[in-house]
PDB file of N, CA and C in Angstrom:
ATOM      1  N   MET A   1      86.852  96.430 102.019  1.00  0.00           N
ATOM      2  CA  MET A   1      87.937  95.867 102.816  1.00  0.00           C
ATOM      3  C   MET A   1      88.792  94.962 101.938  1.00  0.00           C
ATOM      4  N   SER A   2      90.043  94.924 102.225  1.00  0.00           N
ATOM      5  CA  SER A   2      90.935  94.039 101.488  1.00  0.00           C
ATOM      6  C   SER A   2      90.883  92.647 102.097  1.00  0.00           C
ATOM      7  N   ASP A   3      91.480  91.682 101.416  1.00  0.00           N
ATOM      8  CA  ASP A   3      91.428  90.294 101.872  1.00  0.00           C
ATOM      9  C   ASP A   3      92.083  90.075 103.231  1.00  0.00           C
ATOM     10  N   ASN A   4      93.072  90.903 103.592  1.00  0.00           N
ATOM     11  CA  ASN A   4      93.759  90.688 104.862  1.00  0.00           C
ATOM     12  C   ASN A   4      93.040  91.337 106.046  1.00  0.00           C
ATOM     13  N   LYS A   5      91.838  91.860 105.813  1.00  0.00           N
ATOM     14  CA  LYS A   5      90.968  92.436 106.830  1.00  0.00           C
ATOM     15  C   LYS A   5      91.409  93.806 107.317  1.00  0.00           C
ATOM     16  N   TYR A   6      92.488  94.342 106.767  1.00  0.00           N
ATOM     17  CA  TYR A   6      92.874  95.717 107.066  1.00  0.00           C
ATOM     18  C   TYR A   6      92.152  96.628 106.080  1.00  0.00           C
ATOM     19  N   PRO A   7      91.934  97.882 106.451  1.00  0.00           N
ATOM     20  CA  PRO A   7      91.293  98.808 105.506  1.00  0.00           C
ATOM     21  C   PRO A   7      92.139  98.986 104.245  1.00  0.00           C
ATOM     22  N   ASP A   8      91.488  99.407 103.191  1.00  0.00           N
ATOM     23  CA  ASP A   8      92.177  99.688 101.932  1.00  0.00           C
ATOM     24  C   ASP A   8      93.217 100.779 102.171  1.00  0.00           C
ATOM     25  N   ILE A   9      94.432 100.545 101.748  1.00  0.00           N
ATOM     26  CA  ILE A   9      95.536 101.487 101.984  1.00  0.00           C
ATOM     27  C   ILE A   9      95.251 102.846 101.341  1.00  0.00           C
ATOM     28  N   LYS A  10      94.372 102.884 100.332  1.00  0.00           N
ATOM     29  CA  LYS A  10      94.014 104.155  99.704  1.00  0.00           C
ATOM     30  C   LYS A  10      93.360 105.106 100.707  1.00  0.00           C
ATOM     31  N   LEU A  11      92.717 104.554 101.724  1.00  0.00           N
ATOM     32  CA  LEU A  11      92.103 105.397 102.753  1.00  0.00           C
ATOM     33  C   LEU A  11      93.154 106.168 103.551  1.00  0.00           C
ATOM     34  N   MET A  12      94.361 105.624 103.637  1.00  0.00           N
ATOM     35  CA  MET A  12      95.412 106.292 104.396  1.00  0.00           C
ATOM     36  C   MET A  12      95.684 107.685 103.837  1.00  0.00           C
ATOM     37  N   ASP A  13      95.675 107.822 102.514  1.00  0.00           N
ATOM     38  CA  ASP A  13      95.896 109.132 101.904  1.00  0.00           C
ATOM     39  C   ASP A  13      94.799 110.117 102.291  1.00  0.00           C
ATOM     40  N   LYS A  14      93.568 109.640 102.344  1.00  0.00           N
ATOM     41  CA  LYS A  14      92.455 110.512 102.734  1.00  0.00           C
ATOM     42  C   LYS A  14      92.606 110.940 104.196  1.00  0.00           C
ATOM     43  N   TYR A  15      92.967 110.006 105.068  1.00  0.00           N
ATOM     44  CA  TYR A  15      93.158 110.353 106.476  1.00  0.00           C
ATOM     45  C   TYR A  15      94.311 111.342 106.636  1.00  0.00           C
ATOM     46  N   LYS A  16      95.393 111.128 105.908  1.00  0.00           N
ATOM     47  CA  LYS A  16      96.522 112.065 105.968  1.00  0.00           C
ATOM     48  C   LYS A  16      96.083 113.459 105.539  1.00  0.00           C
ATOM     49  N   GLN A  17      95.314 113.536 104.481  1.00  0.00           N
ATOM     50  CA  GLN A  17      94.851 114.823 103.966  1.00  0.00           C
ATOM     51  C   GLN A  17      93.985 115.545 105.000  1.00  0.00           C
ATOM     52  N   ILE A  18      93.022 114.837 105.565  1.00  0.00           N
ATOM     53  CA  ILE A  18      92.108 115.442 106.546  1.00  0.00           C
ATOM     54  C   ILE A  18      92.849 115.843 107.817  1.00  0.00           C
ATOM     55  N   LEU A  19      93.656 114.930 108.361  1.00  0.00           N
ATOM     56  CA  LEU A  19      94.336 115.212 109.628  1.00  0.00           C
ATOM     57  C   LEU A  19      95.405 116.285 109.478  1.00  0.00           C
ATOM     58  N   SER A  20      95.943 116.438 108.286  1.00  0.00           N
ATOM     59  CA  SER A  20      96.933 117.484 108.030  1.00  0.00           C
ATOM     60  C   SER A  20      96.288 118.862 107.939  1.00  0.00           C
ATOM     61  N   ALA A  21      94.978 118.892 107.851  1.00  0.00           N
ATOM     62  CA  ALA A  21      94.264 120.158 107.701  1.00  0.00           C
ATOM     63  C   ALA A  21      93.572 120.603 108.984  1.00  0.00           C
ATOM     64  N   ILE A  22      93.968 120.052 110.121  1.00  0.00           N
ATOM     65  CA  ILE A  22      93.359 120.453 111.390  1.00  0.00           C
ATOM     66  C   ILE A  22      93.608 121.946 111.584  1.00  0.00           C
ATOM     67  N   PRO A  23      92.532 122.715 111.762  1.00  0.00           N
ATOM     68  CA  PRO A  23      92.661 124.179 111.784  1.00  0.00           C
ATOM     69  C   PRO A  23      93.051 124.750 113.150  1.00  0.00           C
ATOM     70  N   ASP A  24      94.159 124.303 113.677  1.00  0.00           N
ATOM     71  CA  ASP A  24      94.658 124.893 114.916  1.00  0.00           C
ATOM     72  C   ASP A  24      96.181 124.894 114.874  1.00  0.00           C
ATOM     73  N   GLU A  25      96.798 125.310 115.965  1.00  0.00           N
ATOM     74  CA  GLU A  25      98.257 125.477 115.990  1.00  0.00           C
ATOM     75  C   GLU A  25      99.023 124.162 115.835  1.00  0.00           C
ATOM     76  N   ASP A  26      98.367 123.030 116.018  1.00  0.00           N
ATOM     77  CA  ASP A  26      99.044 121.734 115.903  1.00  0.00           C
ATOM     78  C   ASP A  26      99.005 121.157 114.493  1.00  0.00           C
ATOM     79  N   GLY A  27      98.213 121.732 113.611  1.00  0.00           N
ATOM     80  CA  GLY A  27      98.022 121.185 112.280  1.00  0.00           C
ATOM     81  C   GLY A  27      99.310 121.009 111.490  1.00  0.00           C
ATOM     82  N   VAL A  28     100.199 121.981 111.543  1.00  0.00           N
ATOM     83  CA  VAL A  28     101.460 121.909 110.800  1.00  0.00           C
ATOM     84  C   VAL A  28     102.337 120.784 111.342  1.00  0.00           C
ATOM     85  N   LEU A  29     102.402 120.657 112.666  1.00  0.00           N
ATOM     86  CA  LEU A  29     103.209 119.584 113.267  1.00  0.00           C
ATOM     87  C   LEU A  29     102.636 118.206 112.945  1.00  0.00           C
ATOM     88  N   ILE A  30     101.320 118.078 113.013  1.00  0.00           N
ATOM     89  CA  ILE A  30     100.686 116.798 112.701  1.00  0.00           C
ATOM     90  C   ILE A  30     100.961 116.425 111.252  1.00  0.00           C
ATOM     91  N   LYS A  31     100.869 117.383 110.352  1.00  0.00           N
ATOM     92  CA  LYS A  31     101.174 117.130 108.944  1.00  0.00           C
ATOM     93  C   LYS A  31     102.612 116.636 108.787  1.00  0.00           C
ATOM     94  N   TYR A  32     103.552 117.250 109.502  1.00  0.00           N
ATOM     95  CA  TYR A  32     104.948 116.829 109.421  1.00  0.00           C
ATOM     96  C   TYR A  32     105.094 115.370 109.879  1.00  0.00           C
ATOM     97  N   TYR A  33     104.446 115.027 110.975  1.00  0.00           N
ATOM     98  CA  TYR A  33     104.476 113.640 111.465  1.00  0.00           C
ATOM     99  C   TYR A  33     103.940 112.675 110.410  1.00  0.00           C
ATOM    100  N   LEU A  34     102.795 112.999 109.840  1.00  0.00           N
ATOM    101  CA  LEU A  34     102.161 112.106 108.876  1.00  0.00           C
ATOM    102  C   LEU A  34     102.977 111.982 107.592  1.00  0.00           C
ATOM    103  N   ASP A  35     103.603 113.076 107.182  1.00  0.00           N
ATOM    104  CA  ASP A  35     104.398 113.063 105.948  1.00  0.00           C
ATOM    105  C   ASP A  35     105.751 112.384 106.111  1.00  0.00           C
ATOM    106  N   ASN A  36     106.243 112.277 107.338  1.00  0.00           N
ATOM    107  CA  ASN A  36     107.593 111.765 107.576  1.00  0.00           C
ATOM    108  C   ASN A  36     107.623 110.515 108.439  1.00  0.00           C
ATOM    109  N   SER A  37     106.560 109.749 108.380  1.00  0.00           N
ATOM    110  CA  SER A  37     106.459 108.497 109.133  1.00  0.00           C
ATOM    111  C   SER A  37     105.918 107.410 108.226  1.00  0.00           C
ATOM    112  N   LYS A  38     106.255 106.187 108.577  1.00  0.00           N
ATOM    113  CA  LYS A  38     105.629 105.048 107.912  1.00  0.00           C
ATOM    114  C   LYS A  38     104.319 104.797 108.653  1.00  0.00           C
ATOM    115  N   LEU A  39     103.218 104.798 107.920  1.00  0.00           N
ATOM    116  CA  LEU A  39     101.905 104.608 108.516  1.00  0.00           C
ATOM    117  C   LEU A  39     101.400 103.220 108.164  1.00  0.00           C
ATOM    118  N   SER A  40     100.841 102.537 109.164  1.00  0.00           N
ATOM    119  CA  SER A  40     100.313 101.201 108.897  1.00  0.00           C
ATOM    120  C   SER A  40      99.093 100.935 109.764  1.00  0.00           C
ATOM    121  N   PHE A  41      98.040 100.426 109.096  1.00  0.00           N
ATOM    122  CA  PHE A  41      96.850 100.047 109.842  1.00  0.00           C
ATOM    123  C   PHE A  41      97.229  98.929 110.811  1.00  0.00           C
ATOM    124  N   ASN A  42      96.619  98.924 112.007  1.00  0.00           N
ATOM    125  CA  ASN A  42      97.056  97.982 113.043  1.00  0.00           C
ATOM    126  C   ASN A  42      95.947  97.134 113.638  1.00  0.00           C
ATOM    127  N   CYS A  43      94.761  97.157 113.073  1.00  0.00           N
ATOM    128  CA  CYS A  43      93.656  96.439 113.699  1.00  0.00           C
ATOM    129  C   CYS A  43      92.764  95.825 112.629  1.00  0.00           C
ATOM    130  N   THR A  44      92.203  94.680 112.931  1.00  0.00           N
ATOM    131  CA  THR A  44      91.296  94.005 111.991  1.00  0.00           C
ATOM    132  C   THR A  44      89.859  93.962 112.498  1.00  0.00           C
ATOM    133  N   CYS A  45      89.524  94.763 113.505  1.00  0.00           N
ATOM    134  CA  CYS A  45      88.169  94.730 114.069  1.00  0.00           C
ATOM    135  C   CYS A  45      87.154  95.463 113.211  1.00  0.00           C
ATOM    136  N   GLY A  46      87.620  96.233 112.248  1.00  0.00           N
ATOM    137  CA  GLY A  46      86.718  97.034 111.433  1.00  0.00           C
ATOM    138  C   GLY A  46      86.941  98.520 111.623  1.00  0.00           C
ATOM    139  N   CYS A  47      87.769  98.886 112.602  1.00  0.00           N
ATOM    140  CA  CYS A  47      88.136 100.289 112.763  1.00  0.00           C
ATOM    141  C   CYS A  47      89.230 100.607 111.740  1.00  0.00           C
ATOM    142  N   HIS A  48      89.640 101.842 111.678  1.00  0.00           N
ATOM    143  CA  HIS A  48      90.702 102.241 110.754  1.00  0.00           C
ATOM    144  C   HIS A  48      91.889 102.829 111.506  1.00  0.00           C
ATOM    145  N   SER A  49      92.218 102.271 112.645  1.00  0.00           N
ATOM    146  CA  SER A  49      93.314 102.766 113.470  1.00  0.00           C
ATOM    147  C   SER A  49      94.658 102.436 112.840  1.00  0.00           C
ATOM    148  N   PHE A  50      95.625 103.333 113.052  1.00  0.00           N
ATOM    149  CA  PHE A  50      96.952 103.097 112.488  1.00  0.00           C
ATOM    150  C   PHE A  50      98.059 103.608 113.397  1.00  0.00           C
ATOM    151  N   ASN A  51      99.245 103.062 113.183  1.00  0.00           N
ATOM    152  CA  ASN A  51     100.445 103.440 113.926  1.00  0.00           C
ATOM    153  C   ASN A  51     101.344 104.290 113.052  1.00  0.00           C
ATOM    154  N   LEU A  52     102.202 105.062 113.707  1.00  0.00           N
ATOM    155  CA  LEU A  52     103.220 105.837 113.018  1.00  0.00           C
ATOM    156  C   LEU A  52     104.582 105.316 113.433  1.00  0.00           C
ATOM    157  N   GLU A  53     105.414 104.991 112.456  1.00  0.00           N
ATOM    158  CA  GLU A  53     106.808 104.644 112.704  1.00  0.00           C
ATOM    159  C   GLU A  53     107.628 105.832 112.211  1.00  0.00           C
ATOM    160  N   LEU A  54     108.180 106.589 113.160  1.00  0.00           N
ATOM    161  CA  LEU A  54     108.862 107.828 112.826  1.00  0.00           C
ATOM    162  C   LEU A  54     110.171 107.561 112.097  1.00  0.00           C
ATOM    163  N   ASP A  55     110.460 108.390 111.101  1.00  0.00           N
ATOM    164  CA  ASP A  55     111.708 108.303 110.353  1.00  0.00           C
ATOM    165  C   ASP A  55     112.834 108.821 111.245  1.00  0.00           C
ATOM    166  N   ASN A  56     113.796 107.971 111.564  1.00  0.00           N
ATOM    167  CA  ASN A  56     114.900 108.345 112.453  1.00  0.00           C
ATOM    168  C   ASN A  56     115.801 109.428 111.884  1.00  0.00           C
ATOM    169  N   ASN A  57     115.723 109.669 110.586  1.00  0.00           N
ATOM    170  CA  ASN A  57     116.555 110.685 109.951  1.00  0.00           C
ATOM    171  C   ASN A  57     115.918 112.070 109.961  1.00  0.00           C
ATOM    172  N   LYS A  58     114.745 112.195 110.556  1.00  0.00           N
ATOM    173  CA  LYS A  58     114.030 113.476 110.617  1.00  0.00           C
ATOM    174  C   LYS A  58     114.001 113.975 112.057  1.00  0.00           C
ATOM    175  N   ASN A  59     113.875 115.276 112.197  1.00  0.00           N
ATOM    176  CA  ASN A  59     113.745 115.887 113.523  1.00  0.00           C
ATOM    177  C   ASN A  59     112.279 116.178 113.796  1.00  0.00           C
ATOM    178  N   PHE A  60     111.724 115.491 114.778  1.00  0.00           N
ATOM    179  CA  PHE A  60     110.332 115.688 115.157  1.00  0.00           C
ATOM    180  C   PHE A  60     110.262 116.540 116.413  1.00  0.00           C
ATOM    181  N   THR A  61     109.365 117.496 116.402  1.00  0.00           N
ATOM    182  CA  THR A  61     109.108 118.318 117.579  1.00  0.00           C
ATOM    183  C   THR A  61     108.062 117.601 118.426  1.00  0.00           C
ATOM    184  N   PRO A  62     108.333 117.414 119.726  1.00  0.00           N
ATOM    185  CA  PRO A  62     107.306 116.795 120.570  1.00  0.00           C
ATOM    186  C   PRO A  62     106.022 117.628 120.545  1.00  0.00           C
ATOM    187  N   LEU A  63     104.892 116.958 120.523  1.00  0.00           N
ATOM    188  CA  LEU A  63     103.610 117.654 120.526  1.00  0.00           C
ATOM    189  C   LEU A  63     103.265 118.173 121.916  1.00  0.00           C
ATOM    190  N   ARG A  64     103.854 117.565 122.903  1.00  0.00           N
ATOM    191  CA  ARG A  64     103.755 118.019 124.303  1.00  0.00           C
ATOM    192  C   ARG A  64     105.122 117.846 124.933  1.00  0.00           C
ATOM    193  N   ASN A  65     105.462 118.744 125.814  1.00  0.00           N
ATOM    194  CA  ASN A  65     106.764 118.653 126.486  1.00  0.00           C
ATOM    195  C   ASN A  65     106.685 117.922 127.821  1.00  0.00           C
ATOM    196  N   GLU A  66     105.492 117.541 128.220  1.00  0.00           N
ATOM    197  CA  GLU A  66     105.331 116.791 129.465  1.00  0.00           C
ATOM    198  C   GLU A  66     105.729 115.334 129.225  1.00  0.00           C
ATOM    199  N   SER A  67     106.146 114.664 130.260  1.00  0.00           N
ATOM    200  CA  SER A  67     106.467 113.234 130.108  1.00  0.00           C
ATOM    201  C   SER A  67     105.240 112.404 130.466  1.00  0.00           C
ATOM    202  N   LYS A  68     104.169 112.645 129.731  1.00  0.00           N
ATOM    203  CA  LYS A  68     102.908 111.945 129.976  1.00  0.00           C
ATOM    204  C   LYS A  68     102.359 111.432 128.650  1.00  0.00           C
ATOM    205  N   GLN A  69     102.234 110.125 128.540  1.00  0.00           N
ATOM    206  CA  GLN A  69     101.681 109.557 127.313  1.00  0.00           C
ATOM    207  C   GLN A  69     100.178 109.488 127.407  1.00  0.00           C
ATOM    208  N   GLY A  70      99.534 109.384 126.263  1.00  0.00           N
ATOM    209  CA  GLY A  70      98.081 109.250 126.241  1.00  0.00           C
ATOM    210  C   GLY A  70      97.465 110.070 125.137  1.00  0.00           C
ATOM    211  N   VAL A  71      96.228 110.489 125.351  1.00  0.00           N
ATOM    212  CA  VAL A  71      95.477 111.220 124.342  1.00  0.00           C
ATOM    213  C   VAL A  71      96.090 112.607 124.141  1.00  0.00           C
ATOM    214  N   PHE A  72      96.322 112.940 122.877  1.00  0.00           N
ATOM    215  CA  PHE A  72      96.818 114.268 122.527  1.00  0.00           C
ATOM    216  C   PHE A  72      95.693 115.150 121.994  1.00  0.00           C
ATOM    217  N   LYS A  73      94.886 114.595 121.103  1.00  0.00           N
ATOM    218  CA  LYS A  73      93.836 115.371 120.465  1.00  0.00           C
ATOM    219  C   LYS A  73      92.742 114.419 120.000  1.00  0.00           C
ATOM    220  N   GLU A  74      91.524 114.941 119.971  1.00  0.00           N
ATOM    221  CA  GLU A  74      90.390 114.155 119.487  1.00  0.00           C
ATOM    222  C   GLU A  74      89.585 115.013 118.521  1.00  0.00           C
ATOM    223  N   LEU A  75      89.016 114.376 117.507  1.00  0.00           N
ATOM    224  CA  LEU A  75      88.165 115.095 116.586  1.00  0.00           C
ATOM    225  C   LEU A  75      87.116 114.177 115.993  1.00  0.00           C
ATOM    226  N   ASP A  76      86.065 114.786 115.483  1.00  0.00           N
ATOM    227  CA  ASP A  76      85.010 114.065 114.784  1.00  0.00           C
ATOM    228  C   ASP A  76      85.012 114.512 113.335  1.00  0.00           C
ATOM    229  N   LEU A  77      84.821 113.526 112.438  1.00  0.00           N
ATOM    230  CA  LEU A  77      84.768 113.792 111.012  1.00  0.00           C
ATOM    231  C   LEU A  77      83.360 113.516 110.494  1.00  0.00           C
ATOM    232  N   GLU A  78      82.804 114.457 109.757  1.00  0.00           N
ATOM    233  CA  GLU A  78      81.492 114.279 109.144  1.00  0.00           C
ATOM    234  C   GLU A  78      81.619 113.276 107.999  1.00  0.00           C
ATOM    235  N   THR A  79      80.626 112.407 107.886  1.00  0.00           N
ATOM    236  CA  THR A  79      80.640 111.375 106.844  1.00  0.00           C
ATOM    237  C   THR A  79      79.325 111.393 106.064  1.00  0.00           C
ATOM    238  N   ASN A  80      79.220 110.503 105.111  1.00  0.00           N
ATOM    239  CA  ASN A  80      77.986 110.326 104.359  1.00  0.00           C
ATOM    240  C   ASN A  80      76.993 109.433 105.105  1.00  0.00           C
ATOM    241  N   TYR A  81      77.281 109.106 106.347  1.00  0.00           N
ATOM    242  CA  TYR A  81      76.386 108.312 107.200  1.00  0.00           C
ATOM    243  C   TYR A  81      75.899 109.169 108.369  1.00  0.00           C
ATOM    244  N   ASP A  82      74.990 108.622 109.174  1.00  0.00           N
ATOM    245  CA  ASP A  82      74.454 109.350 110.318  1.00  0.00           C
ATOM    246  C   ASP A  82      75.486 109.550 111.422  1.00  0.00           C
ATOM    247  N   ASN A  83      76.447 108.648 111.511  1.00  0.00           N
ATOM    248  CA  ASN A  83      77.462 108.749 112.550  1.00  0.00           C
ATOM    249  C   ASN A  83      78.752 109.349 112.016  1.00  0.00           C
ATOM    250  N   VAL A  84      79.489 109.951 112.926  1.00  0.00           N
ATOM    251  CA  VAL A  84      80.785 110.531 112.585  1.00  0.00           C
ATOM    252  C   VAL A  84      81.867 109.465 112.670  1.00  0.00           C
ATOM    253  N   LEU A  85      83.017 109.773 112.106  1.00  0.00           N
ATOM    254  CA  LEU A  85      84.225 109.013 112.419  1.00  0.00           C
ATOM    255  C   LEU A  85      84.872 109.737 113.580  1.00  0.00           C
ATOM    256  N   ASN A  86      85.171 109.009 114.633  1.00  0.00           N
ATOM    257  CA  ASN A  86      85.823 109.585 115.798  1.00  0.00           C
ATOM    258  C   ASN A  86      87.319 109.288 115.685  1.00  0.00           C
ATOM    259  N   VAL A  87      88.140 110.318 115.845  1.00  0.00           N
ATOM    260  CA  VAL A  87      89.590 110.195 115.709  1.00  0.00           C
ATOM    261  C   VAL A  87      90.238 110.602 117.023  1.00  0.00           C
ATOM    262  N   ILE A  88      91.089 109.721 117.557  1.00  0.00           N
ATOM    263  CA  ILE A  88      91.839 110.038 118.768  1.00  0.00           C
ATOM    264  C   ILE A  88      93.314 109.819 118.462  1.00  0.00           C
ATOM    265  N   MET A  89      94.114 110.866 118.701  1.00  0.00           N
ATOM    266  CA  MET A  89      95.559 110.797 118.470  1.00  0.00           C
ATOM    267  C   MET A  89      96.270 110.580 119.795  1.00  0.00           C
ATOM    268  N   PHE A  90      97.224 109.641 119.797  1.00  0.00           N
ATOM    269  CA  PHE A  90      97.950 109.289 121.013  1.00  0.00           C
ATOM    270  C   PHE A  90      99.433 109.614 120.878  1.00  0.00           C
ATOM    271  N   ILE A  91      99.994 110.119 121.960  1.00  0.00           N
ATOM    272  CA  ILE A  91     101.425 110.390 121.998  1.00  0.00           C
ATOM    273  C   ILE A  91     102.102 109.455 122.993  1.00  0.00           C
ATOM    274  N   ASP A  92     103.412 109.255 122.786  1.00  0.00           N
ATOM    275  CA  ASP A  92     104.185 108.447 123.724  1.00  0.00           C
ATOM    276  C   ASP A  92     104.707 109.345 124.849  1.00  0.00           C
ATOM    277  N   LYS A  93     105.469 108.782 125.779  1.00  0.00           N
ATOM    278  CA  LYS A  93     105.919 109.551 126.954  1.00  0.00           C
ATOM    279  C   LYS A  93     106.901 110.663 126.595  1.00  0.00           C
ATOM    280  N   SER A  94     107.434 110.640 125.371  1.00  0.00           N
ATOM    281  CA  SER A  94     108.326 111.717 124.926  1.00  0.00           C
ATOM    282  C   SER A  94     107.567 112.812 124.178  1.00  0.00           C
ATOM    283  N   GLY A  95     106.269 112.640 124.017  1.00  0.00           N
ATOM    284  CA  GLY A  95     105.450 113.647 123.366  1.00  0.00           C
ATOM    285  C   GLY A  95     105.307 113.475 121.865  1.00  0.00           C
ATOM    286  N   TYR A  96     105.745 112.333 121.330  1.00  0.00           N
ATOM    287  CA  TYR A  96     105.679 112.082 119.891  1.00  0.00           C
ATOM    288  C   TYR A  96     104.402 111.345 119.506  1.00  0.00           C
ATOM    289  N   LEU A  97     103.800 111.757 118.397  1.00  0.00           N
ATOM    290  CA  LEU A  97     102.604 111.101 117.888  1.00  0.00           C
ATOM    291  C   LEU A  97     102.959 109.689 117.443  1.00  0.00           C
ATOM    292  N   ARG A  98     102.266 108.691 117.985  1.00  0.00           N
ATOM    293  CA  ARG A  98     102.597 107.289 117.691  1.00  0.00           C
ATOM    294  C   ARG A  98     101.439 106.476 117.143  1.00  0.00           C
ATOM    295  N   SER A  99     100.197 106.890 117.443  1.00  0.00           N
ATOM    296  CA  SER A  99      99.072 106.130 116.913  1.00  0.00           C
ATOM    297  C   SER A  99      97.836 107.012 116.798  1.00  0.00           C
ATOM    298  N   VAL A 100      96.957 106.590 115.899  1.00  0.00           N
ATOM    299  CA  VAL A 100      95.706 107.294 115.653  1.00  0.00           C
ATOM    300  C   VAL A 100      94.595 106.248 115.600  1.00  0.00           C
ATOM    301  N   ASP A 101      93.601 106.393 116.473  1.00  0.00           N
ATOM    302  CA  ASP A 101      92.436 105.507 116.466  1.00  0.00           C
ATOM    303  C   ASP A 101      91.320 106.187 115.675  1.00  0.00           C
ATOM    304  N   ILE A 102      90.752 105.461 114.729  1.00  0.00           N
ATOM    305  CA  ILE A 102      89.640 105.976 113.927  1.00  0.00           C
ATOM    306  C   ILE A 102      88.517 104.955 114.012  1.00  0.00           C
ATOM    307  N   THR A 103      87.407 105.360 114.604  1.00  0.00           N
ATOM    308  CA  THR A 103      86.280 104.449 114.806  1.00  0.00           C
ATOM    309  C   THR A 103      84.998 105.058 114.258  1.00  0.00           C
ATOM    310  N   TYR A 104      84.039 104.188 113.962  1.00  0.00           N
ATOM    311  CA  TYR A 104      82.741 104.614 113.467  1.00  0.00           C
ATOM    312  C   TYR A 104      81.863 104.949 114.662  1.00  0.00           C
ATOM    313  N   GLY A 105      81.568 106.232 114.838  1.00  0.00           N
ATOM    314  CA  GLY A 105      80.834 106.691 116.003  1.00  0.00           C
ATOM    315  C   GLY A 105      81.764 106.767 117.201  1.00  0.00           C
ATOM    316  N   VAL A 106      81.407 107.563 118.172  1.00  0.00           N
ATOM    317  CA  VAL A 106      82.274 107.721 119.339  1.00  0.00           C
ATOM    318  C   VAL A 106      82.328 106.465 120.196  1.00  0.00           C
ATOM    319  N   GLU A 107      81.381 105.562 119.998  1.00  0.00           N
ATOM    320  CA  GLU A 107      81.357 104.327 120.782  1.00  0.00           C
ATOM    321  C   GLU A 107      81.915 103.141 120.010  1.00  0.00           C
ATOM    322  N   ASN A 108      82.480 103.369 118.806  1.00  0.00           N
ATOM    323  CA  ASN A 108      82.955 102.290 117.942  1.00  0.00           C
ATOM    324  C   ASN A 108      81.818 101.271 117.764  1.00  0.00           C
ATOM    325  N   ILE A 109      80.661 101.781 117.327  1.00  0.00           N
ATOM    326  CA  ILE A 109      79.438 100.979 117.296  1.00  0.00           C
ATOM    327  C   ILE A 109      79.413  99.895 116.235  1.00  0.00           C
ATOM    328  N   ASN A 110      80.232 100.034 115.218  1.00  0.00           N
ATOM    329  CA  ASN A 110      80.232  99.074 114.127  1.00  0.00           C
ATOM    330  C   ASN A 110      81.520  99.280 113.345  1.00  0.00           C
ATOM    331  N   LYS A 111      81.800  98.370 112.420  1.00  0.00           N
ATOM    332  CA  LYS A 111      82.983  98.571 111.586  1.00  0.00           C
ATOM    333  C   LYS A 111      82.754  99.792 110.704  1.00  0.00           C
ATOM    334  N   VAL A 112      83.837 100.419 110.290  1.00  0.00           N
ATOM    335  CA  VAL A 112      83.734 101.560 109.391  1.00  0.00           C
ATOM    336  C   VAL A 112      83.195 101.046 108.049  1.00  0.00           C
ATOM    337  N   PRO A 113      82.097 101.629 107.555  1.00  0.00           N
ATOM    338  CA  PRO A 113      81.539 101.166 106.281  1.00  0.00           C
ATOM    339  C   PRO A 113      82.564 101.259 105.147  1.00  0.00           C
ATOM    340  N   ASP A 114      82.520 100.290 104.247  1.00  0.00           N
ATOM    341  CA  ASP A 114      83.465 100.252 103.128  1.00  0.00           C
ATOM    342  C   ASP A 114      83.337 101.467 102.216  1.00  0.00           C
ATOM    343  N   ASP A 115      82.133 102.011 102.101  1.00  0.00           N
ATOM    344  CA  ASP A 115      81.923 103.130 101.191  1.00  0.00           C
ATOM    345  C   ASP A 115      81.874 104.478 101.921  1.00  0.00           C
ATOM    346  N   ILE A 116      82.548 104.552 103.068  1.00  0.00           N
ATOM    347  CA  ILE A 116      82.563 105.785 103.855  1.00  0.00           C
ATOM    348  C   ILE A 116      83.168 106.922 103.044  1.00  0.00           C
ATOM    349  N   GLN A 117      82.566 108.081 103.152  1.00  0.00           N
ATOM    350  CA  GLN A 117      83.093 109.287 102.526  1.00  0.00           C
ATOM    351  C   GLN A 117      83.251 110.328 103.618  1.00  0.00           C
ATOM    352  N   ILE A 118      84.410 110.935 103.668  1.00  0.00           N
ATOM    353  CA  ILE A 118      84.686 111.948 104.688  1.00  0.00           C
ATOM    354  C   ILE A 118      84.422 113.310 104.081  1.00  0.00           C
ATOM    355  N   LYS A 119      83.538 114.058 104.751  1.00  0.00           N
ATOM    356  CA  LYS A 119      83.161 115.375 104.234  1.00  0.00           C
ATOM    357  C   LYS A 119      83.976 116.497 104.865  1.00  0.00           C
ATOM    358  N   GLY A 120      84.481 116.287 106.073  1.00  0.00           N
ATOM    359  CA  GLY A 120      85.251 117.331 106.728  1.00  0.00           C
ATOM    360  C   GLY A 120      85.280 117.169 108.220  1.00  0.00           C
ATOM    361  N   ILE A 121      85.928 118.108 108.873  1.00  0.00           N
ATOM    362  CA  ILE A 121      86.070 118.089 110.330  1.00  0.00           C
ATOM    363  C   ILE A 121      84.868 118.780 110.961  1.00  0.00           C
ATOM    364  N   VAL A 122      84.248 118.093 111.933  1.00  0.00           N
ATOM    365  CA  VAL A 122      83.096 118.643 112.648  1.00  0.00           C
ATOM    366  C   VAL A 122      83.567 119.399 113.876  1.00  0.00           C
ATOM    367  N   LYS A 123      84.453 118.784 114.659  1.00  0.00           N
ATOM    368  CA  LYS A 123      84.860 119.368 115.941  1.00  0.00           C
ATOM    369  C   LYS A 123      86.245 118.838 116.300  1.00  0.00           C
ATOM    370  N   VAL A 124      87.063 119.690 116.923  1.00  0.00           N
ATOM    371  CA  VAL A 124      88.386 119.310 117.415  1.00  0.00           C
ATOM    372  C   VAL A 124      88.462 119.710 118.878  1.00  0.00           C
ATOM    373  N   TRP A 125      88.969 118.804 119.708  1.00  0.00           N
ATOM    374  CA  TRP A 125      89.194 119.134 121.114  1.00  0.00           C
ATOM    375  C   TRP A 125      90.365 118.370 121.653  1.00  0.00           C
TER     376      TRP A 125
END
């Protein structure tokens, strides 16, 4: 962890790489969001959650056409520990990806270990 209690910014590149490789029809759109947004960690509790600030000069396709904000997609990432990293992606009422929650275990049982290694995607739903 860095002195300001946010995760090391180097982890952001790893999260971008993994989330951009989601093996379904949304993977390309998610990659576009991650590549064309300012990403910033937003919590000091020990999770690795982050926000997306969309570049106003880019055209983003809504991930959903409904006017309903909330959970868009959830996945588990295999790690070098017994528990997975649980990832939940949230969209705003216009269907745009705005935040990603990353917690240690599905219950956010503890802070994400400093030496966490992500091995791959276990499940997407």
